[in-house]
Amino acid sequence: MYSKLIRETVAKMGRIGANPRHAEAWMRLEYGTLDHLGGPTWDRAVREAIACMDASTADDNENLAKSYCLKESK
């Protein structure tokens, strides 16, 4: 649901190719729901999620996304 917004935000940050599922999972871990995030708060949340992704292994990022039932978009 948030993939497009996350993709747009990471592109502005120069991080094209970052997996939006992984970013969303880290954001949900911190905030639970994301509907209330907007503007600078949204950007900061995405930046923090990217930092968490960078500090974690690919397996950890994928397992976290799966724990939130975030599936690859087709």
N, C-alpha and C. Protein backbone atom coordinates (compact mmCIF):
# COMPACT_ATOMS: atom_id res chain seq x y z
N MET A 1 0.81 -1.19 0.00
CA MET A 1 0.00 0.00 0.00
C MET A 1 0.86 1.26 0.00
N TYR A 2 1.96 1.23 0.69
CA TYR A 2 2.84 2.39 0.79
C TYR A 2 4.03 2.33 -0.17
N SER A 3 4.11 1.27 -0.94
CA SER A 3 5.28 1.06 -1.80
C SER A 3 5.57 2.24 -2.71
N LYS A 4 4.54 2.77 -3.35
CA LYS A 4 4.76 3.87 -4.29
C LYS A 4 5.31 5.10 -3.57
N LEU A 5 4.72 5.45 -2.43
CA LEU A 5 5.20 6.61 -1.68
C LEU A 5 6.64 6.41 -1.19
N ILE A 6 6.91 5.21 -0.71
CA ILE A 6 8.27 4.92 -0.24
C ILE A 6 9.24 4.98 -1.40
N ARG A 7 8.87 4.40 -2.54
CA ARG A 7 9.73 4.42 -3.72
C ARG A 7 10.05 5.86 -4.14
N GLU A 8 9.05 6.72 -4.14
CA GLU A 8 9.25 8.12 -4.50
C GLU A 8 10.17 8.82 -3.51
N THR A 9 9.99 8.55 -2.24
CA THR A 9 10.81 9.19 -1.20
C THR A 9 12.26 8.73 -1.29
N VAL A 10 12.47 7.43 -1.45
CA VAL A 10 13.87 6.95 -1.53
C VAL A 10 14.54 7.44 -2.81
N ALA A 11 13.76 7.62 -3.88
CA ALA A 11 14.34 8.15 -5.12
C ALA A 11 14.84 9.57 -4.89
N LYS A 12 14.08 10.38 -4.14
CA LYS A 12 14.51 11.75 -3.82
C LYS A 12 15.78 11.74 -2.99
N MET A 13 15.97 10.67 -2.22
CA MET A 13 17.15 10.54 -1.38
C MET A 13 18.34 9.95 -2.15
N GLY A 14 18.10 9.60 -3.41
CA GLY A 14 19.17 9.02 -4.21
C GLY A 14 19.39 7.55 -3.94
N ARG A 15 18.39 6.88 -3.38
CA ARG A 15 18.52 5.47 -3.03
C ARG A 15 17.62 4.59 -3.91
N ILE A 16 17.57 4.90 -5.19
CA ILE A 16 16.75 4.12 -6.11
C ILE A 16 17.18 2.66 -6.01
N GLY A 17 16.20 1.79 -5.95
CA GLY A 17 16.49 0.36 -5.86
C GLY A 17 16.33 -0.20 -4.46
N ALA A 18 16.19 0.68 -3.46
CA ALA A 18 15.95 0.19 -2.10
C ALA A 18 14.59 -0.49 -2.07
N ASN A 19 14.52 -1.62 -1.44
CA ASN A 19 13.28 -2.40 -1.42
C ASN A 19 12.24 -1.71 -0.54
N PRO A 20 11.13 -1.25 -1.12
CA PRO A 20 10.13 -0.53 -0.33
C PRO A 20 9.45 -1.41 0.72
N ARG A 21 9.38 -2.72 0.49
CA ARG A 21 8.82 -3.63 1.49
C ARG A 21 9.66 -3.63 2.75
N HIS A 22 10.96 -3.64 2.56
CA HIS A 22 11.87 -3.65 3.70
C HIS A 22 11.76 -2.34 4.46
N ALA A 23 11.71 -1.23 3.72
CA ALA A 23 11.58 0.08 4.38
C ALA A 23 10.25 0.16 5.15
N GLU A 24 9.18 -0.31 4.52
CA GLU A 24 7.88 -0.27 5.21
C GLU A 24 7.91 -1.11 6.48
N ALA A 25 8.55 -2.25 6.42
CA ALA A 25 8.62 -3.11 7.61
C ALA A 25 9.34 -2.40 8.75
N TRP A 26 10.45 -1.76 8.46
CA TRP A 26 11.18 -1.02 9.50
C TRP A 26 10.34 0.14 10.02
N MET A 27 9.62 0.80 9.13
CA MET A 27 8.75 1.91 9.55
C MET A 27 7.64 1.40 10.46
N ARG A 28 7.06 0.27 10.13
CA ARG A 28 5.99 -0.30 10.95
C ARG A 28 6.52 -0.75 12.31
N LEU A 29 7.75 -1.23 12.34
CA LEU A 29 8.35 -1.63 13.61
C LEU A 29 8.44 -0.42 14.55
N GLU A 30 8.77 0.72 14.00
CA GLU A 30 8.90 1.95 14.79
C GLU A 30 7.56 2.61 15.10
N TYR A 31 6.68 2.70 14.10
CA TYR A 31 5.47 3.50 14.24
C TYR A 31 4.17 2.71 14.32
N GLY A 32 4.19 1.44 14.02
CA GLY A 32 2.96 0.65 13.99
C GLY A 32 2.16 0.93 12.74
N THR A 33 1.36 1.98 12.76
CA THR A 33 0.63 2.38 11.57
C THR A 33 1.34 3.57 10.93
N LEU A 34 1.11 3.75 9.64
CA LEU A 34 1.83 4.80 8.91
C LEU A 34 0.91 5.90 8.41
N ASP A 35 -0.39 5.73 8.56
CA ASP A 35 -1.34 6.70 8.03
C ASP A 35 -1.15 8.10 8.60
N HIS A 36 -0.67 8.20 9.81
CA HIS A 36 -0.54 9.50 10.46
C HIS A 36 0.74 10.24 10.08
N LEU A 37 1.64 9.57 9.37
CA LEU A 37 2.91 10.20 9.00
C LEU A 37 2.72 11.04 7.76
N GLY A 38 3.32 12.20 7.74
CA GLY A 38 3.25 13.05 6.57
C GLY A 38 4.40 14.05 6.57
N GLY A 39 4.63 14.62 5.42
CA GLY A 39 5.65 15.67 5.27
C GLY A 39 7.00 15.28 5.82
N PRO A 40 7.58 16.16 6.64
CA PRO A 40 8.92 15.90 7.18
C PRO A 40 8.99 14.64 8.04
N THR A 41 7.89 14.33 8.72
CA THR A 41 7.89 13.12 9.56
C THR A 41 8.00 11.88 8.69
N TRP A 42 7.29 11.87 7.57
CA TRP A 42 7.37 10.75 6.63
C TRP A 42 8.79 10.60 6.10
N ASP A 43 9.37 11.70 5.66
CA ASP A 43 10.72 11.67 5.11
C ASP A 43 11.72 11.15 6.14
N ARG A 44 11.59 11.62 7.37
CA ARG A 44 12.50 11.16 8.43
C ARG A 44 12.31 9.67 8.70
N ALA A 45 11.06 9.21 8.70
CA ALA A 45 10.78 7.79 8.94
C ALA A 45 11.40 6.93 7.84
N VAL A 46 11.30 7.38 6.61
CA VAL A 46 11.90 6.62 5.50
C VAL A 46 13.41 6.62 5.63
N ARG A 47 13.99 7.78 5.95
CA ARG A 47 15.45 7.86 6.13
C ARG A 47 15.93 6.92 7.22
N GLU A 48 15.20 6.89 8.33
CA GLU A 48 15.55 5.99 9.44
C GLU A 48 15.40 4.53 9.03
N ALA A 49 14.37 4.22 8.26
CA ALA A 49 14.17 2.85 7.80
C ALA A 49 15.32 2.42 6.90
N ILE A 50 15.77 3.31 6.02
CA ILE A 50 16.89 3.00 5.14
C ILE A 50 18.16 2.75 5.96
N ALA A 51 18.36 3.54 7.00
CA ALA A 51 19.53 3.34 7.87
C ALA A 51 19.46 1.97 8.54
N CYS A 52 18.26 1.58 8.98
CA CYS A 52 18.10 0.26 9.60
C CYS A 52 18.37 -0.85 8.59
N MET A 53 17.87 -0.65 7.38
CA MET A 53 18.11 -1.65 6.33
C MET A 53 19.61 -1.80 6.07
N ASP A 54 20.30 -0.67 6.00
CA ASP A 54 21.74 -0.70 5.73
C ASP A 54 22.51 -1.39 6.84
N ALA A 55 22.02 -1.29 8.07
CA ALA A 55 22.71 -1.87 9.22
C ALA A 55 22.35 -3.34 9.42
N SER A 56 21.43 -3.85 8.61
CA SER A 56 20.95 -5.23 8.76
C SER A 56 21.34 -6.07 7.56
N THR A 57 21.22 -7.36 7.74
CA THR A 57 21.51 -8.26 6.62
C THR A 57 20.29 -8.35 5.70
N ALA A 58 20.50 -8.79 4.49
CA ALA A 58 19.40 -8.98 3.54
C ALA A 58 18.37 -9.95 4.10
N ASP A 59 18.84 -11.00 4.75
CA ASP A 59 17.92 -11.98 5.34
C ASP A 59 17.09 -11.35 6.46
N ASP A 60 17.72 -10.55 7.30
CA ASP A 60 16.99 -9.89 8.38
C ASP A 60 15.92 -8.95 7.83
N ASN A 61 16.28 -8.18 6.80
CA ASN A 61 15.31 -7.27 6.18
C ASN A 61 14.14 -8.05 5.58
N GLU A 62 14.44 -9.12 4.89
CA GLU A 62 13.37 -9.92 4.27
C GLU A 62 12.50 -10.59 5.32
N ASN A 63 13.11 -11.13 6.35
CA ASN A 63 12.33 -11.77 7.42
C ASN A 63 11.42 -10.77 8.13
N LEU A 64 11.91 -9.56 8.33
CA LEU A 64 11.07 -8.54 8.95
C LEU A 64 9.89 -8.20 8.06
N ALA A 65 10.12 -8.04 6.76
CA ALA A 65 9.02 -7.76 5.83
C ALA A 65 8.00 -8.89 5.84
N LYS A 66 8.47 -10.11 5.85
CA LYS A 66 7.56 -11.26 5.89
C LYS A 66 6.77 -11.30 7.19
N SER A 67 7.38 -10.86 8.29
CA SER A 67 6.68 -10.88 9.57
C SER A 67 5.48 -9.94 9.56
N TYR A 68 5.50 -8.93 8.69
CA TYR A 68 4.36 -8.02 8.53
C TYR A 68 3.50 -8.42 7.33
N CYS A 69 3.75 -9.59 6.78
CA CYS A 69 3.00 -10.11 5.62
C CYS A 69 3.09 -9.15 4.43
N LEU A 70 4.23 -8.51 4.27
CA LEU A 70 4.43 -7.61 3.13
C LEU A 70 4.98 -8.44 1.97
N LYS A 71 4.18 -8.57 0.95
CA LYS A 71 4.53 -9.42 -0.19
C LYS A 71 5.08 -8.57 -1.33
N GLU A 72 5.91 -9.20 -2.14
CA GLU A 72 6.43 -8.55 -3.33
C GLU A 72 5.28 -8.12 -4.22
N SER A 73 5.34 -6.90 -4.73
CA SER A 73 4.30 -6.48 -5.67
C SER A 73 4.63 -7.06 -7.04
N LYS A 74 3.58 -7.34 -7.78
CA LYS A 74 3.77 -7.98 -9.09
C LYS A 74 3.53 -7.00 -10.20
